[in-house]
Amino acid sequence: MEYTYKAINPAGARVTGTIRAASPDEAMEKLAADDLIPESVNGGAGAAGNMGERLNLFLARVRLPDLILFTKQFRTLFNAGIPMNRLLEVLSEQTDNLKLKKTAERMGGRIQEGTSLTDAFREHRRIFSPLYTSMIQAGESSGRLGEVMDRLVYLLQHEHKVKSDIKSATRYPKIVLVVLSLAFLFLLTWVVPQFVTIFKGAGIDLPLPTRISLLLHQWLVGYWFLSLGGLVLFIVGLRFYLKTETGQYNRDYLLLKIPIIGPVFQKGAMSRFASIFSILQASGVSVLNALDVLADTIGNKVISSEFERLQDDLKEGRGISGPLSKSPFFTPMVVSMVAIGEESGNLEEMLHEISVHYDDEVEYAVSQMSEHMGPVLIIALAAVVGFFALAIFMPMWDLVQMV
């Protein structure tokens, strides 16, 4: 069985971990054999308990608010001067998120083995992004980890705000589209067939909208399994396609080109580019390494490919603003501000100004998108209602004339 323990190592530091043994006494003997002084040995769950814990750990997710809270707690404990081993132990005890709790425990064990803090973070790539680990590396190598953690907290909060603004703007259209689709299916499978039966019994020639509705109804009723299977295959195939480099590139390119939504995603990308680049520059990360991090964290494959091209130009000594001006996705303002920053030596300050400006632009673009989506949804609703109105009332008018 597996037991959790707290013990004191030969250096006098308190350590925690897990050990497999047949009983608590055997676990304490094993700890003593490893030159550890046991303080407590708990647990002893069998295979079923371990399986349940692993299942819970597998299902647990680290959301951005959880990561922000974890980073704030790490920063506070570090600034208080708490040793790293004890810091990670406290984090594992105080963190509510199960995955972050186990991650802190494992990181503490790796630190005790002599692993650097950066490598301990980098071993958990699914939780800590390349941006996160690069910031930790910059702070650890420069000896200014506390300052870097302050910037990292700001960056995570900024990213959370931008994502929340975009999600809140698209939530209402999603709800309307779902309700509209359900209403379409209800009318097609229940309402229209009732009227079609009456019209056929009266011997009326059905107009085109009614015939289309009847064909759709017959397809859904007679071949619903094909429709459902095709929908499932389409969704699964689309998910696999979007996991490929080509699929992600085409998806992001399409999002940037959609008339109403595209400007929001472009301005959001400009805001992230400026804020991340500015903080990486302030943290002492080189330009080439910063572009590597941006390519992995910008959240848009189209713009990421531009960073890869920009790296090649930088290696040839062409600067940043020149290659940026060739990209259709970087706005003239971004290019001009970066050029001014390069010439004056205040690139970090100019990038911060760009970030502040595009934060406001994203908020305005989101509000504009919400305003423009309203008329579009009304038109879509009117088209669905108008189609079914024609399908029902055109033959009904013929029936009235016949009577």
Protein backbone atom coordinates (compact mmCIF):
# COMPACT_ATOMS: atom_id res chain seq x y z
CA MET A 1 0.00 0.00 0.00
CA GLU A 2 1.03 3.60 -0.48
CA TYR A 3 1.63 5.92 2.46
CA THR A 4 2.31 9.64 2.63
CA TYR A 5 4.97 10.74 5.07
CA LYS A 6 6.59 13.78 6.62
CA ALA A 7 10.17 13.38 7.76
CA ILE A 8 13.41 15.24 8.46
CA ASN A 9 16.41 14.62 6.23
CA PRO A 10 20.08 14.61 7.36
CA ALA A 11 20.35 18.31 6.53
CA GLY A 12 17.57 19.10 9.02
CA ALA A 13 14.98 20.06 6.41
CA ARG A 14 11.43 18.77 6.52
CA VAL A 15 10.51 16.63 3.49
CA THR A 16 7.28 15.02 2.32
CA GLY A 17 6.53 12.24 -0.12
CA THR A 18 5.00 8.82 -0.63
CA ILE A 19 6.35 5.34 0.09
CA ARG A 20 5.04 1.84 -0.59
CA ALA A 21 5.03 -0.64 2.29
CA ALA A 22 2.97 -3.45 3.80
CA SER A 23 2.26 -1.53 7.01
CA PRO A 24 2.95 1.83 8.69
CA ASP A 25 5.74 0.24 10.76
CA GLU A 26 7.44 -1.07 7.65
CA ALA A 27 7.11 2.35 6.05
CA MET A 28 8.85 3.96 9.04
CA GLU A 29 11.61 1.35 8.87
CA LYS A 30 12.16 2.12 5.19
CA LEU A 31 12.36 5.83 5.95
CA ALA A 32 14.88 5.21 8.72
CA ALA A 33 16.94 3.08 6.31
CA ASP A 34 17.05 6.09 3.98
CA ASP A 35 18.47 8.28 6.81
CA LEU A 36 15.12 10.05 7.27
CA ILE A 37 13.59 10.75 10.68
CA PRO A 38 9.84 10.07 10.32
CA GLU A 39 7.42 12.60 11.79
CA SER A 40 4.19 11.07 10.52
CA VAL A 41 3.07 8.27 8.22
CA ASN A 42 -0.51 8.41 6.94
CA GLY A 43 -2.71 6.76 4.33
CA GLY A 44 -2.38 3.14 3.41
CA ALA A 45 -5.04 3.16 0.71
CA GLY A 46 -5.17 0.00 -1.37
CA ALA A 47 -5.30 -0.34 -5.12
CA ALA A 48 -8.90 0.89 -5.24
CA GLY A 49 -8.04 4.01 -3.27
CA ASN A 50 -5.01 4.69 -5.45
CA MET A 51 -7.09 4.17 -8.57
CA GLY A 52 -9.72 6.62 -7.32
CA GLU A 53 -7.08 9.21 -6.52
CA ARG A 54 -5.48 8.79 -9.95
CA LEU A 55 -8.86 9.15 -11.62
CA ASN A 56 -9.56 12.36 -9.70
CA LEU A 57 -6.11 13.63 -10.59
CA PHE A 58 -6.67 12.79 -14.27
CA LEU A 59 -10.02 14.60 -14.33
CA ALA A 60 -8.72 17.65 -12.46
CA ARG A 61 -8.05 20.70 -14.60
CA VAL A 62 -5.93 23.78 -13.95
CA ARG A 63 -7.90 26.83 -15.02
CA LEU A 64 -6.27 30.21 -15.48
CA PRO A 65 -7.72 31.64 -12.20
CA ASP A 66 -6.22 28.63 -10.35
CA LEU A 67 -2.82 29.31 -11.91
CA ILE A 68 -3.05 33.02 -11.05
CA LEU A 69 -3.79 32.22 -7.40
CA PHE A 70 -0.96 29.66 -7.30
CA THR A 71 1.48 32.23 -8.73
CA LYS A 72 0.38 34.90 -6.27
CA GLN A 73 0.89 32.53 -3.35
CA PHE A 74 4.30 31.52 -4.70
CA ARG A 75 5.29 35.19 -5.02
CA THR A 76 4.12 36.05 -1.49
CA LEU A 77 5.96 33.13 0.10
CA PHE A 78 9.12 33.81 -1.88
CA ASN A 79 9.14 37.52 -0.98
CA ALA A 80 8.72 36.48 2.67
CA GLY A 81 12.07 34.70 2.45
CA ILE A 82 10.77 31.16 2.92
CA PRO A 83 13.19 28.46 1.65
CA MET A 84 12.11 26.84 -1.62
CA ASN A 85 11.53 23.38 -0.13
CA ARG A 86 9.28 24.76 2.59
CA LEU A 87 7.63 27.12 0.08
CA LEU A 88 6.54 24.27 -2.17
CA GLU A 89 5.42 22.26 0.85
CA VAL A 90 3.17 25.12 1.99
CA LEU A 91 1.81 25.51 -1.53
CA SER A 92 0.93 21.81 -1.69
CA GLU A 93 -0.94 22.16 1.60
CA GLN A 94 -2.76 25.41 0.79
CA THR A 95 -3.69 24.87 -2.87
CA ASP A 96 -7.23 23.62 -3.42
CA ASN A 97 -6.66 22.43 -6.98
CA LEU A 98 -5.71 18.73 -6.82
CA LYS A 99 -3.43 18.81 -9.87
CA LEU A 100 -1.52 21.87 -8.62
CA LYS A 101 -1.28 20.28 -5.17
CA LYS A 102 0.36 17.13 -6.56
CA THR A 103 2.53 19.20 -8.89
CA ALA A 104 3.88 21.26 -5.97
CA GLU A 105 4.67 18.04 -4.09
CA ARG A 106 6.58 16.61 -7.05
CA MET A 107 8.42 19.87 -7.63
CA GLY A 108 9.46 19.92 -3.97
CA GLY A 109 10.85 16.42 -4.34
CA ARG A 110 12.78 17.41 -7.46
CA ILE A 111 14.22 20.47 -5.71
CA GLN A 112 15.44 18.23 -2.87
CA GLU A 113 17.19 16.07 -5.45
CA GLY A 114 19.14 19.10 -6.65
CA THR A 115 17.06 20.03 -9.72
CA SER A 116 16.88 23.72 -10.56
CA LEU A 117 13.61 25.57 -10.10
CA THR A 118 13.31 26.19 -13.85
CA ASP A 119 13.69 22.50 -14.66
CA ALA A 120 11.18 21.60 -11.94
CA PHE A 121 8.62 23.89 -13.58
CA ARG A 122 9.55 22.76 -17.08
CA GLU A 123 8.77 19.12 -16.24
CA HIS A 124 5.07 20.08 -16.05
CA ARG A 125 4.55 21.55 -19.50
CA ARG A 126 0.80 20.90 -19.53
CA ILE A 127 0.35 23.24 -16.58
CA PHE A 128 3.12 25.82 -17.00
CA SER A 129 3.41 27.30 -20.49
CA PRO A 130 6.74 28.10 -22.19
CA LEU A 131 6.11 31.73 -21.26
CA TYR A 132 5.76 30.80 -17.59
CA THR A 133 8.94 28.69 -17.51
CA SER A 134 10.90 31.29 -19.47
CA MET A 135 9.95 33.94 -16.93
CA ILE A 136 10.99 31.64 -14.07
CA GLN A 137 14.29 30.95 -15.84
CA ALA A 138 14.92 34.67 -16.35
CA GLY A 139 14.21 35.41 -12.69
CA GLU A 140 16.30 32.52 -11.41
CA SER A 141 19.32 33.30 -13.58
CA SER A 142 19.24 37.05 -12.82
CA GLY A 143 18.52 36.69 -9.10
CA ARG A 144 15.37 38.83 -9.44
CA LEU A 145 12.76 36.13 -9.15
CA GLY A 146 10.52 38.28 -6.94
CA GLU A 147 10.33 41.07 -9.55
CA VAL A 148 9.75 38.56 -12.33
CA MET A 149 6.91 36.93 -10.37
CA ASP A 150 5.25 40.37 -10.06
CA ARG A 151 5.38 40.75 -13.84
CA LEU A 152 4.19 37.18 -14.33
CA VAL A 153 1.13 37.75 -12.12
CA TYR A 154 0.30 40.90 -14.09
CA LEU A 155 0.69 39.04 -17.36
CA LEU A 156 -1.56 36.15 -16.30
CA GLN A 157 -4.22 38.56 -15.06
CA HIS A 158 -3.99 40.52 -18.30
CA GLU A 159 -4.40 37.34 -20.34
CA HIS A 160 -7.36 36.27 -18.22
CA LYS A 161 -9.05 39.65 -18.73
CA VAL A 162 -8.66 39.57 -22.51
CA LYS A 163 -10.00 36.01 -22.74
CA SER A 164 -12.90 36.83 -20.43
CA ASP A 165 -13.86 39.87 -22.52
CA ILE A 166 -13.92 37.82 -25.72
CA LYS A 167 -15.85 34.95 -24.10
CA SER A 168 -18.44 37.31 -22.65
CA ALA A 169 -18.95 38.91 -26.06
CA THR A 170 -19.47 35.58 -27.83
CA ARG A 171 -21.61 33.94 -25.12
CA TYR A 172 -24.88 35.58 -26.19
CA PRO A 173 -24.53 34.70 -29.91
CA LYS A 174 -23.73 31.08 -29.00
CA ILE A 175 -26.85 30.80 -26.84
CA VAL A 176 -29.03 32.35 -29.55
CA LEU A 177 -27.65 29.99 -32.21
CA VAL A 178 -28.27 26.93 -30.04
CA VAL A 179 -31.85 28.01 -29.27
CA LEU A 180 -32.44 28.83 -32.93
CA SER A 181 -31.20 25.39 -34.00
CA LEU A 182 -33.46 23.65 -31.47
CA ALA A 183 -36.44 25.71 -32.62
CA PHE A 184 -35.68 24.81 -36.24
CA LEU A 185 -35.63 21.10 -35.41
CA PHE A 186 -38.85 21.36 -33.39
CA LEU A 187 -40.73 23.12 -36.18
CA LEU A 188 -39.36 20.74 -38.78
CA THR A 189 -40.15 17.52 -36.93
CA TRP A 190 -43.43 18.42 -35.20
CA VAL A 191 -45.23 21.52 -36.47
CA VAL A 192 -44.78 21.36 -40.26
CA PRO A 193 -45.83 17.68 -40.65
CA GLN A 194 -49.17 18.39 -38.89
CA PHE A 195 -50.06 21.06 -41.42
CA VAL A 196 -48.72 19.09 -44.40
CA THR A 197 -51.14 16.23 -43.58
CA ILE A 198 -54.06 18.69 -43.66
CA PHE A 199 -52.93 20.26 -46.92
CA LYS A 200 -52.44 16.88 -48.64
CA GLY A 201 -55.88 15.76 -47.49
CA ALA A 202 -57.39 18.86 -49.11
CA GLY A 203 -55.60 18.12 -52.41
CA ILE A 204 -53.64 21.38 -52.49
CA ASP A 205 -50.46 21.68 -54.52
CA LEU A 206 -47.71 22.36 -52.00
CA PRO A 207 -45.51 25.40 -52.67
CA LEU A 208 -41.70 25.15 -52.77
CA PRO A 209 -40.99 26.13 -49.10
CA THR A 210 -43.48 23.51 -47.90
CA ARG A 211 -42.00 20.82 -50.15
CA ILE A 212 -38.50 21.64 -48.88
CA SER A 213 -39.70 21.42 -45.29
CA LEU A 214 -41.40 18.09 -46.02
CA LEU A 215 -38.24 16.66 -47.62
CA LEU A 216 -36.15 17.77 -44.65
CA HIS A 217 -38.68 16.21 -42.28
CA GLN A 218 -38.67 12.92 -44.18
CA TRP A 219 -34.89 12.86 -44.17
CA LEU A 220 -34.68 13.48 -40.43
CA VAL A 221 -37.32 10.85 -39.63
CA GLY A 222 -36.23 8.18 -42.10
CA TYR A 223 -32.47 8.68 -42.02
CA TRP A 224 -31.85 10.20 -38.59
CA PHE A 225 -29.13 7.63 -37.88
CA LEU A 226 -27.24 8.73 -40.99
CA SER A 227 -27.62 12.36 -39.97
CA LEU A 228 -26.44 11.65 -36.44
CA GLY A 229 -23.55 9.48 -37.63
CA GLY A 230 -22.51 12.09 -40.16
CA LEU A 231 -22.61 14.81 -37.51
CA VAL A 232 -20.50 12.74 -35.10
CA LEU A 233 -17.98 11.89 -37.83
CA PHE A 234 -17.81 15.54 -38.85
CA ILE A 235 -17.17 16.70 -35.26
CA VAL A 236 -14.55 14.01 -34.60
CA GLY A 237 -12.83 14.64 -37.93
CA LEU A 238 -12.86 18.39 -37.33
CA ARG A 239 -11.32 17.94 -33.87
CA PHE A 240 -8.52 15.77 -35.28
CA TYR A 241 -7.97 18.22 -38.12
CA LEU A 242 -7.74 21.18 -35.74
CA LYS A 243 -5.03 19.37 -33.78
CA THR A 244 -2.77 19.40 -36.83
CA GLU A 245 -0.52 22.33 -37.71
CA THR A 246 -2.39 22.92 -40.97
CA GLY A 247 -5.79 22.79 -39.27
CA GLN A 248 -4.78 25.25 -36.57
CA TYR A 249 -3.26 27.60 -39.13
CA ASN A 250 -6.37 27.56 -41.35
CA ARG A 251 -8.67 28.00 -38.34
CA ASP A 252 -6.75 31.01 -37.05
CA TYR A 253 -6.49 32.50 -40.54
CA LEU A 254 -10.25 32.19 -40.96
CA LEU A 255 -10.89 33.79 -37.56
CA LEU A 256 -8.74 36.77 -38.53
CA LYS A 257 -10.63 37.21 -41.81
CA ILE A 258 -14.21 37.07 -40.45
CA PRO A 259 -15.57 40.66 -40.78
CA ILE A 260 -16.96 41.23 -37.27
CA ILE A 261 -14.95 38.77 -35.19
CA GLY A 262 -11.60 39.11 -36.97
CA PRO A 263 -10.67 42.59 -35.67
CA VAL A 264 -11.29 41.46 -32.08
CA PHE A 265 -8.89 38.52 -32.40
CA GLN A 266 -6.30 40.65 -34.21
CA LYS A 267 -6.33 43.38 -31.56
CA GLY A 268 -6.26 40.76 -28.82
CA ALA A 269 -3.16 39.24 -30.44
CA MET A 270 -1.51 42.67 -30.69
CA SER A 271 -2.20 43.28 -27.00
CA ARG A 272 -0.72 39.91 -26.01
CA PHE A 273 2.29 40.42 -28.28
CA ALA A 274 3.12 43.81 -26.78
CA SER A 275 2.51 42.89 -23.15
CA ILE A 276 4.44 39.58 -23.30
CA PHE A 277 7.30 41.05 -25.32
CA SER A 278 7.58 44.03 -22.97
CA ILE A 279 7.72 41.90 -19.82
CA LEU A 280 10.21 39.46 -21.35
CA GLN A 281 12.45 42.38 -22.29
CA ALA A 282 12.18 43.83 -18.77
CA SER A 283 13.02 40.41 -17.30
CA GLY A 284 16.26 40.15 -19.25
CA VAL A 285 15.18 37.62 -21.88
CA SER A 286 16.98 38.07 -25.20
CA VAL A 287 15.00 39.12 -28.27
CA LEU A 288 15.47 35.79 -30.06
CA ASN A 289 14.39 33.81 -27.00
CA ALA A 290 11.47 36.18 -26.51
CA LEU A 291 10.31 35.51 -30.06
CA ASP A 292 10.53 31.77 -29.38
CA VAL A 293 8.28 32.23 -26.35
CA LEU A 294 5.88 34.47 -28.30
CA ALA A 295 5.58 31.91 -31.09
CA ASP A 296 4.46 29.32 -28.51
CA THR A 297 2.16 31.55 -26.44
CA ILE A 298 0.58 34.12 -28.75
CA GLY A 299 -2.38 31.79 -29.32
CA ASN A 300 -2.57 32.25 -33.10
CA LYS A 301 -0.68 30.02 -35.54
CA VAL A 302 -0.79 32.60 -38.32
CA ILE A 303 0.95 35.23 -36.22
CA SER A 304 3.28 32.58 -34.75
CA SER A 305 4.55 31.85 -38.25
CA GLU A 306 5.35 35.56 -38.60
CA PHE A 307 7.58 35.36 -35.51
CA GLU A 308 9.48 32.45 -37.03
CA ARG A 309 10.12 34.53 -40.15
CA LEU A 310 11.06 37.48 -37.95
CA GLN A 311 13.74 35.39 -36.20
CA ASP A 312 15.42 34.66 -39.53
CA ASP A 313 15.49 38.38 -40.35
CA LEU A 314 16.88 39.25 -36.90
CA LYS A 315 19.73 36.78 -37.35
CA GLU A 316 20.60 38.67 -40.52
CA GLY A 317 20.63 41.97 -38.60
CA ARG A 318 17.48 43.52 -40.09
CA GLY A 319 15.90 44.64 -36.82
CA ILE A 320 12.29 44.12 -35.74
CA SER A 321 10.16 46.89 -37.21
CA GLY A 322 11.22 46.26 -40.83
CA PRO A 323 10.14 42.62 -40.97
CA LEU A 324 6.99 43.44 -38.98
CA SER A 325 5.93 45.97 -41.63
CA LYS A 326 5.84 43.16 -44.22
CA SER A 327 3.24 41.23 -42.26
CA PRO A 328 -0.43 42.00 -43.03
CA PHE A 329 -1.45 41.14 -39.46
CA PHE A 330 0.63 43.73 -37.57
CA THR A 331 -1.05 47.14 -37.62
CA PRO A 332 0.80 50.29 -38.78
CA MET A 333 0.65 51.64 -35.22
CA VAL A 334 2.45 48.59 -33.82
CA VAL A 335 5.13 48.82 -36.51
CA SER A 336 5.63 52.57 -35.97
CA MET A 337 5.84 52.30 -32.16
CA VAL A 338 8.31 49.40 -32.38
CA ALA A 339 10.44 51.40 -34.85
CA ILE A 340 10.48 54.38 -32.47
CA GLY A 341 11.41 52.12 -29.58
CA GLU A 342 14.28 50.59 -31.54
CA GLU A 343 15.66 53.98 -32.58
CA SER A 344 15.35 55.55 -29.13
CA GLY A 345 16.42 52.48 -27.15
CA ASN A 346 13.10 52.45 -25.26
CA LEU A 347 11.58 49.38 -26.87
CA GLU A 348 10.27 48.08 -23.54
CA GLU A 349 8.44 51.37 -22.84
CA MET A 350 6.98 51.54 -26.35
CA LEU A 351 5.74 47.95 -26.11
CA HIS A 352 4.05 48.79 -22.82
CA GLU A 353 2.30 51.75 -24.46
CA ILE A 354 1.14 49.49 -27.29
CA SER A 355 -0.22 47.00 -24.75
CA VAL A 356 -2.17 49.68 -22.88
CA HIS A 357 -3.57 51.09 -26.12
CA TYR A 358 -4.72 47.72 -27.45
CA ASP A 359 -6.25 46.77 -24.12
CA ASP A 360 -8.62 49.70 -24.67
CA GLU A 361 -9.01 48.74 -28.33
CA VAL A 362 -10.00 45.18 -27.39
CA GLU A 363 -12.66 46.45 -24.98
CA TYR A 364 -14.05 48.78 -27.66
CA ALA A 365 -13.90 46.08 -30.35
CA VAL A 366 -15.71 43.63 -28.07
CA SER A 367 -18.50 46.15 -27.43
CA GLN A 368 -18.73 46.86 -31.16
CA MET A 369 -18.88 43.15 -31.92
CA SER A 370 -21.75 42.75 -29.47
CA GLU A 371 -23.61 45.60 -31.13
CA HIS A 372 -23.08 44.22 -34.63
CA MET A 373 -23.93 40.65 -33.72
CA GLY A 374 -27.41 41.71 -32.61
CA PRO A 375 -28.66 42.69 -36.11
CA VAL A 376 -27.00 39.61 -37.65
CA LEU A 377 -28.81 37.32 -35.23
CA ILE A 378 -32.08 39.13 -35.81
CA ILE A 379 -31.70 38.63 -39.56
CA ALA A 380 -30.97 34.92 -39.04
CA LEU A 381 -33.99 34.58 -36.77
CA ALA A 382 -36.17 36.41 -39.29
CA ALA A 383 -34.96 34.12 -42.09
CA VAL A 384 -35.87 30.95 -40.13
CA VAL A 385 -39.25 32.31 -39.03
CA GLY A 386 -39.97 33.63 -42.53
CA PHE A 387 -39.15 30.29 -44.14
CA PHE A 388 -41.53 28.35 -41.89
CA ALA A 389 -44.16 31.06 -42.18
CA LEU A 390 -44.10 30.69 -45.97
CA ALA A 391 -44.10 26.89 -45.65
CA ILE A 392 -47.29 27.00 -43.55
CA PHE A 393 -49.24 30.08 -44.59
CA MET A 394 -48.83 29.89 -48.37
CA PRO A 395 -50.76 26.57 -48.66
CA MET A 396 -53.12 27.76 -45.92
CA TRP A 397 -54.00 30.77 -48.07
CA ASP A 398 -54.70 28.42 -50.99
CA LEU A 399 -56.92 26.35 -48.69
CA VAL A 400 -58.89 29.45 -47.66
CA GLN A 401 -59.36 30.41 -51.31
CA MET A 402 -60.58 26.89 -52.10
CA VAL A 403 -63.10 27.07 -49.26
